[in-house]
């Protein structure tokens, strides 16, 4: 194996000065297009690998993006929602030649650690999702001073009135469509399994339920935490309160699957006795449910990609991709009802 190619050898092969080669390799400006092409061709021919530390000195960029998830590690690896969102983020970061640094945020000690890490110049920006609305994590990210984009609409005092860029789906509209569908197939005693009250997605889906059924009895709403087990427990509670209910809208697919399990254990047919609709349309959950789940689709992986594009637009001061009149632009993606056998 020969010696590792150097920046000097790239410059010699391209017929330019070392300074010019450095500017091209490390993303600097002010080099004519023809010379840029020569340097890039030399890099490819020689197999030159840029020195990361040198690139950081020139560009003042680390090439790394922190991805912060406001959930315990075990929850992230057991819920396919997170796998899909991280996959979208990872694929887009790879396309943008950036590295992913994964950070967990399980409690106040983690918030302090994350703020210190972000503020230490280790990353260029941050992506954060599955936030819980005490405002502490949002505040910690804000204190760090790094640009950030959130997955899901942030809430709490730290986000109120602030230009906090985020990517979310139309949670409220999707919930309305789910409940309208249940009404359209003749269901009249409709219940809701709600998600955690400290997350805006769950609150928006609950609001969508009430948009269609504004006079619904509070007893037809039971609380879950987006896990299968909580959906099963909530379904037990709903049947105890209202044994004659004929439909349930669950705020995510995992809770809907838990509801299906309870209904099956009680000997109730789906959709004959009780129709069930979920939210997310995760193929590994909705399509494999018994029966296959009617649900509201959101583009989870696509939203992860959009988060990266929005952040990169902000980092690069690209008004089309991430700025409008100097203020970050948030994105709300559409949802769509996917009809299967459960409703």
Protein backbone atom coordinates (compact mmCIF):
# COMPACT_ATOMS: atom_id res chain seq x y z
CA UNK A 1 0.00 0.00 0.00
CA UNK A 2 1.44 3.37 -1.01
CA UNK A 3 1.57 6.52 1.09
CA UNK A 4 -1.73 8.23 1.91
CA UNK A 5 -2.44 11.03 -0.59
CA UNK A 6 -1.90 14.53 0.80
CA UNK A 7 -3.42 17.88 -0.02
CA UNK A 8 -0.11 18.76 -1.67
CA UNK A 9 -0.41 15.77 -4.02
CA UNK A 10 -4.00 16.82 -4.87
CA UNK A 11 -2.76 20.34 -5.68
CA UNK A 12 0.06 18.97 -7.84
CA UNK A 13 -2.27 16.64 -9.75
CA UNK A 14 -4.77 19.47 -10.36
CA UNK A 15 -2.06 22.00 -11.25
CA UNK A 16 -3.16 24.51 -8.62
CA UNK A 17 -1.69 25.95 -5.44
CA UNK A 18 -2.13 24.20 -2.12
CA UNK A 19 -4.26 27.11 -0.90
CA UNK A 20 -6.64 26.73 -3.84
CA UNK A 21 -6.89 22.98 -3.33
CA UNK A 22 -7.61 23.57 0.36
CA UNK A 23 -10.42 26.02 -0.38
CA UNK A 24 -12.10 23.57 -2.76
CA UNK A 25 -11.71 20.51 -0.53
CA UNK A 26 -12.85 22.32 2.61
CA UNK A 27 -15.80 24.14 1.09
CA UNK A 28 -14.32 27.61 0.84
CA UNK A 29 -15.49 30.19 -1.69
CA UNK A 30 -13.77 32.25 -4.36
CA UNK A 31 -12.46 29.51 -6.67
CA UNK A 32 -13.34 29.49 -10.40
CA UNK A 33 -15.51 26.63 -11.61
CA UNK A 34 -12.89 25.15 -13.92
CA UNK A 35 -10.38 24.91 -11.07
CA UNK A 36 -13.00 23.39 -8.76
CA UNK A 37 -13.58 20.65 -11.32
CA UNK A 38 -9.84 19.97 -11.62
CA UNK A 39 -9.40 19.69 -7.86
CA UNK A 40 -12.41 17.43 -7.42
CA UNK A 41 -11.17 15.20 -10.23
CA UNK A 42 -7.76 14.98 -8.56
CA UNK A 43 -9.38 14.10 -5.22
CA UNK A 44 -11.30 11.26 -6.87
CA UNK A 45 -8.32 9.94 -8.83
CA UNK A 46 -5.99 9.93 -5.84
CA UNK A 47 -8.58 8.74 -3.30
CA UNK A 48 -7.79 11.70 -1.06
CA UNK A 49 -9.70 11.84 2.25
CA UNK A 50 -9.97 15.38 3.67
CA UNK A 51 -8.70 16.07 7.15
CA UNK A 52 -11.76 16.74 9.28
CA UNK A 53 -9.98 19.04 11.71
CA UNK A 54 -8.65 21.17 8.87
CA UNK A 55 -12.07 21.37 7.28
CA UNK A 56 -13.56 22.51 10.59
CA UNK A 57 -10.97 25.31 10.86
CA UNK A 58 -11.80 26.56 7.36
CA UNK A 59 -15.58 26.24 7.39
CA UNK A 60 -16.24 26.55 11.13
CA UNK A 61 -18.52 23.54 10.65
CA UNK A 62 -18.23 20.16 12.34
CA UNK A 63 -20.30 18.32 9.75
CA UNK A 64 -22.32 16.74 12.58
CA UNK A 65 -25.98 17.15 13.57
CA UNK A 66 -27.38 16.14 16.96
CA UNK A 67 -30.63 14.14 16.93
CA UNK A 68 -32.31 14.45 20.32
CA UNK A 69 -35.13 12.09 21.29
CA UNK A 70 -37.15 12.93 24.39
CA UNK A 71 -37.82 9.30 25.34
CA UNK A 72 -36.06 6.49 27.25
CA UNK A 73 -33.74 4.36 25.16
CA UNK A 74 -35.83 1.19 25.60
CA UNK A 75 -38.91 2.99 24.28
CA UNK A 76 -37.13 4.21 21.15
CA UNK A 77 -35.97 0.72 20.21
CA UNK A 78 -39.38 -0.86 20.84
CA UNK A 79 -41.52 1.63 18.89
CA UNK A 80 -41.29 1.49 15.07
CA UNK A 81 -42.33 5.15 14.86
CA UNK A 82 -38.90 6.22 16.08
CA UNK A 83 -37.14 3.79 13.75
CA UNK A 84 -38.94 5.30 10.77
CA UNK A 85 -38.26 8.89 11.78
CA UNK A 86 -34.57 8.28 12.52
CA UNK A 87 -34.24 6.41 9.22
CA UNK A 88 -35.57 9.43 7.33
CA UNK A 89 -33.22 11.75 9.22
CA UNK A 90 -30.24 9.46 8.71
CA UNK A 91 -30.82 9.03 4.99
CA UNK A 92 -31.13 12.76 4.42
CA UNK A 93 -28.07 13.56 6.53
CA UNK A 94 -26.11 11.02 4.51
CA UNK A 95 -27.28 12.69 1.31
CA UNK A 96 -26.10 16.02 2.75
CA UNK A 97 -22.72 14.54 3.79
CA UNK A 98 -23.40 15.13 7.49
CA UNK A 99 -22.98 12.86 10.50
CA UNK A 100 -25.72 11.91 12.97
CA UNK A 101 -25.05 12.14 16.71
CA UNK A 102 -27.85 10.48 18.70
CA UNK A 103 -28.70 11.87 22.14
CA UNK A 104 -31.29 10.62 24.65
CA UNK A 105 -33.25 13.01 26.85
CA UNK A 106 -34.91 11.03 29.64
CA UNK A 107 -34.88 13.62 32.42
CA UNK A 108 -33.58 16.93 33.84
CA UNK A 109 -30.00 15.66 34.21
CA UNK A 110 -29.98 14.82 30.51
CA UNK A 111 -31.28 18.30 29.63
CA UNK A 112 -28.29 19.91 31.35
CA UNK A 113 -25.87 17.48 29.70
CA UNK A 114 -27.40 18.07 26.25
CA UNK A 115 -27.28 21.86 26.61
CA UNK A 116 -23.61 21.62 27.61
CA UNK A 117 -22.80 19.30 24.70
CA UNK A 118 -24.60 21.42 22.10
CA UNK A 119 -22.99 24.59 23.41
CA UNK A 120 -19.52 23.01 23.25
CA UNK A 121 -19.25 23.34 19.48
CA UNK A 122 -19.49 19.61 18.78
CA UNK A 123 -22.36 19.92 16.27
CA UNK A 124 -23.65 22.46 13.75
CA UNK A 125 -27.30 22.09 14.66
CA UNK A 126 -29.91 19.93 16.37
CA UNK A 127 -33.04 18.00 15.47
CA UNK A 128 -35.35 17.12 18.37
CA UNK A 129 -38.57 15.15 18.53
CA UNK A 130 -40.97 13.38 20.88
CA UNK A 131 -40.75 16.33 23.23
CA UNK A 132 -42.86 16.51 26.37
CA UNK A 133 -44.31 19.90 27.09
CA UNK A 134 -42.70 20.95 30.32
CA UNK A 135 -40.54 23.23 28.18
CA UNK A 136 -37.31 22.11 29.86
CA UNK A 137 -35.77 20.38 26.86
CA UNK A 138 -36.83 23.15 24.49
CA UNK A 139 -35.23 25.65 26.86
CA UNK A 140 -32.04 23.58 27.12
CA UNK A 141 -31.69 23.47 23.35
CA UNK A 142 -32.38 27.20 23.15
CA UNK A 143 -29.67 27.95 25.73
CA UNK A 144 -27.11 26.12 23.63
CA UNK A 145 -27.37 28.70 20.84
CA UNK A 146 -27.25 26.14 18.02
CA UNK A 147 -29.89 26.25 15.26
CA UNK A 148 -32.58 23.64 15.85
CA UNK A 149 -35.63 22.16 14.16
CA UNK A 150 -38.27 20.21 16.07
CA UNK A 151 -40.26 17.18 15.04
CA UNK A 152 -43.78 17.99 16.18
CA UNK A 153 -45.18 21.33 17.25
CA UNK A 154 -43.39 22.42 20.43
CA UNK A 155 -45.44 23.73 23.33
CA UNK A 156 -44.87 25.15 26.77
CA UNK A 157 -43.69 28.59 27.92
CA UNK A 158 -40.34 28.37 26.12
CA UNK A 159 -42.02 27.89 22.74
CA UNK A 160 -44.86 30.35 23.21
CA UNK A 161 -44.45 33.33 20.93
CA UNK A 162 -41.09 32.14 19.65
CA UNK A 163 -40.15 31.42 16.04
CA UNK A 164 -39.41 27.76 16.71
CA UNK A 165 -39.20 25.91 13.37
CA UNK A 166 -40.81 22.49 13.32
CA UNK A 167 -42.13 19.76 11.04
CA UNK A 168 -45.42 18.10 11.93
CA UNK A 169 -48.37 16.41 10.30
CA UNK A 170 -51.97 17.64 10.34
CA UNK A 171 -52.80 15.80 13.54
CA UNK A 172 -56.10 17.53 14.14
CA UNK A 173 -57.31 17.20 10.56
CA UNK A 174 -56.29 13.53 10.43
CA UNK A 175 -58.21 12.82 13.63
CA UNK A 176 -61.28 14.54 12.23
CA UNK A 177 -61.08 12.35 9.13
CA UNK A 178 -60.81 9.21 11.25
CA UNK A 179 -63.89 10.06 13.31
CA UNK A 180 -65.86 11.24 10.26
CA UNK A 181 -65.14 7.83 8.71
CA UNK A 182 -66.54 6.02 11.75
CA UNK A 183 -69.66 8.18 11.64
CA UNK A 184 -70.03 7.56 7.88
CA UNK A 185 -70.13 3.77 8.39
CA UNK A 186 -72.95 4.13 10.90
CA UNK A 187 -71.12 4.13 14.22
CA UNK A 188 -72.76 6.26 16.88
CA UNK A 189 -71.12 5.27 20.19
CA UNK A 190 -67.53 6.24 19.43
CA UNK A 191 -64.75 6.29 22.01
CA UNK A 192 -61.23 7.69 21.90
CA UNK A 193 -57.97 6.34 23.32
CA UNK A 194 -55.92 9.51 23.74
CA UNK A 195 -52.14 9.85 23.84
CA UNK A 196 -50.06 11.56 26.56
CA UNK A 197 -51.42 14.92 27.59
CA UNK A 198 -47.94 16.45 27.60
CA UNK A 199 -47.45 15.98 23.83
CA UNK A 200 -49.01 18.28 21.27
CA UNK A 201 -49.69 15.48 18.77
CA UNK A 202 -51.94 13.73 21.29
CA UNK A 203 -53.68 16.97 22.26
CA UNK A 204 -54.30 17.87 18.62
CA UNK A 205 -55.76 14.42 17.87
CA UNK A 206 -58.02 14.69 20.92
CA UNK A 207 -59.13 18.12 19.65
CA UNK A 208 -59.91 16.59 16.24
CA UNK A 209 -62.07 13.94 17.94
CA UNK A 210 -64.02 16.68 19.73
CA UNK A 211 -64.34 18.71 16.51
CA UNK A 212 -66.56 15.94 15.14
CA UNK A 213 -68.16 14.94 18.44
CA UNK A 214 -68.28 18.18 20.45
CA UNK A 215 -70.79 16.81 22.95
CA UNK A 216 -69.05 13.51 23.61
CA UNK A 217 -69.25 12.34 27.22
CA UNK A 218 -65.85 12.55 28.98
CA UNK A 219 -66.28 8.86 29.84
CA UNK A 220 -65.72 7.88 26.21
CA UNK A 221 -62.14 9.21 26.36
CA UNK A 222 -59.50 7.05 28.04
CA UNK A 223 -55.84 7.86 28.48
CA UNK A 224 -52.89 5.98 27.01
CA UNK A 225 -49.20 6.68 26.50
CA UNK A 226 -48.73 5.56 22.85
CA UNK A 227 -47.74 2.01 23.88
CA UNK A 228 -49.59 -1.22 23.03
CA UNK A 229 -50.05 -2.05 26.71
CA UNK A 230 -51.66 1.31 27.44
CA UNK A 231 -54.06 0.82 24.53
CA UNK A 232 -55.12 -2.55 25.91
CA UNK A 233 -55.68 -1.07 29.39
CA UNK A 234 -57.60 1.90 27.99
CA UNK A 235 -59.88 -0.44 26.04
CA UNK A 236 -60.64 -2.37 29.25
CA UNK A 237 -61.59 0.92 30.94
CA UNK A 238 -63.80 2.02 28.05
CA UNK A 239 -65.69 -1.28 27.94
CA UNK A 240 -66.25 -1.09 31.69
CA UNK A 241 -67.71 2.39 31.33
CA UNK A 242 -69.55 1.91 28.06
CA UNK A 243 -70.06 -1.79 27.22
CA UNK A 244 -72.28 -0.82 24.27
CA UNK A 245 -69.68 1.28 22.41
CA UNK A 246 -69.43 0.40 18.72
CA UNK A 247 -66.22 2.16 17.63
CA UNK A 248 -62.92 3.46 18.94
CA UNK A 249 -60.40 5.87 17.49
CA UNK A 250 -56.94 5.35 18.98
CA UNK A 251 -54.38 8.16 18.78
CA UNK A 252 -51.70 5.85 17.35
CA UNK A 253 -51.39 2.41 15.78
CA UNK A 254 -49.75 0.72 18.77
CA UNK A 255 -52.62 1.69 21.09
CA UNK A 256 -55.09 0.55 18.41
CA UNK A 257 -53.38 -2.86 18.35
CA UNK A 258 -53.67 -3.00 22.14
CA UNK A 259 -57.38 -2.22 21.81
CA UNK A 260 -57.76 -5.04 19.26
CA UNK A 261 -56.15 -7.43 21.71
CA UNK A 262 -58.59 -6.55 24.48
CA UNK A 263 -61.59 -6.78 22.14
CA UNK A 264 -60.45 -10.22 20.97
CA UNK A 265 -60.02 -11.39 24.57
CA UNK A 266 -63.58 -10.21 25.33
CA UNK A 267 -64.96 -12.12 22.36
CA UNK A 268 -65.99 -8.96 20.47
CA UNK A 269 -65.72 -9.01 16.68
CA UNK A 270 -63.87 -6.27 14.78
CA UNK A 271 -65.40 -4.50 12.95
CA UNK A 272 -68.72 -6.32 13.49
CA UNK A 273 -69.16 -5.34 17.13
CA UNK A 274 -66.55 -2.59 17.45
CA UNK A 275 -64.80 -0.75 14.60
CA UNK A 276 -61.21 0.40 15.29
CA UNK A 277 -59.17 3.18 13.65
CA UNK A 278 -55.58 4.08 14.48
CA UNK A 279 -53.13 6.85 13.53
CA UNK A 280 -49.66 6.60 11.87
CA UNK A 281 -49.97 3.79 9.30
CA UNK A 282 -46.74 2.05 10.22
CA UNK A 283 -46.62 -0.99 7.89
CA UNK A 284 -45.04 -3.26 10.49
CA UNK A 285 -47.98 -2.54 12.79
CA UNK A 286 -51.07 -1.61 10.76
CA UNK A 287 -50.73 -4.16 7.96
CA UNK A 288 -49.89 -7.03 10.32
CA UNK A 289 -52.66 -6.32 12.83
CA UNK A 290 -55.54 -8.80 13.17
CA UNK A 291 -57.60 -7.62 11.40
CA UNK A 292 -55.45 -5.20 9.33
CA UNK A 293 -55.88 -1.74 10.74
CA UNK A 294 -57.74 1.16 9.21
CA UNK A 295 -55.62 4.16 10.17
CA UNK A 296 -54.56 7.70 9.37
CA UNK A 297 -51.33 7.84 7.43
CA UNK A 298 -48.59 10.33 8.16
CA UNK A 299 -45.31 10.26 6.25
CA UNK A 300 -43.04 9.58 9.20
CA UNK A 301 -39.85 8.98 7.26
CA UNK A 302 -40.58 11.91 4.95
CA UNK A 303 -40.98 14.23 7.93
CA UNK A 304 -37.56 13.15 9.17
CA UNK A 305 -36.10 14.12 5.80
CA UNK A 306 -37.93 17.46 5.89
CA UNK A 307 -36.49 18.24 9.31
CA UNK A 308 -32.97 17.85 7.92
CA UNK A 309 -33.69 19.97 4.85
CA UNK A 310 -35.21 22.72 6.96
CA UNK A 311 -32.22 22.75 9.31
CA UNK A 312 -29.70 22.75 6.46
CA UNK A 313 -31.57 25.61 4.86
CA UNK A 314 -31.28 27.57 8.09
CA UNK A 315 -27.58 26.73 8.45
CA UNK A 316 -26.88 27.77 4.88
CA UNK A 317 -29.11 30.87 5.02
CA UNK A 318 -31.05 29.47 2.09
CA UNK A 319 -34.24 31.51 1.94
CA UNK A 320 -36.01 29.06 -0.32
CA UNK A 321 -35.27 25.97 1.78
CA UNK A 322 -35.34 27.29 5.30
CA UNK A 323 -36.03 31.00 5.61
CA UNK A 324 -38.74 33.41 4.68
CA UNK A 325 -38.19 37.05 5.48
CA UNK A 326 -35.48 36.04 7.94
CA UNK A 327 -37.78 33.86 10.07
CA UNK A 328 -37.63 30.05 10.10
CA UNK A 329 -40.54 28.39 8.31
CA UNK A 330 -42.39 25.43 9.82
CA UNK A 331 -43.96 22.69 7.72
CA UNK A 332 -47.29 20.88 8.25
CA UNK A 333 -47.62 17.74 6.12
CA UNK A 334 -50.96 16.26 5.03
CA UNK A 335 -52.50 13.05 6.35
CA UNK A 336 -54.76 10.52 4.63
CA UNK A 337 -57.14 7.81 5.82
CA UNK A 338 -56.07 4.29 4.78
CA UNK A 339 -59.01 1.89 4.87
CA UNK A 340 -58.43 -1.73 5.82
CA UNK A 341 -60.52 -4.40 7.53
CA UNK A 342 -60.85 -2.99 11.07
CA UNK A 343 -63.32 -0.21 10.17
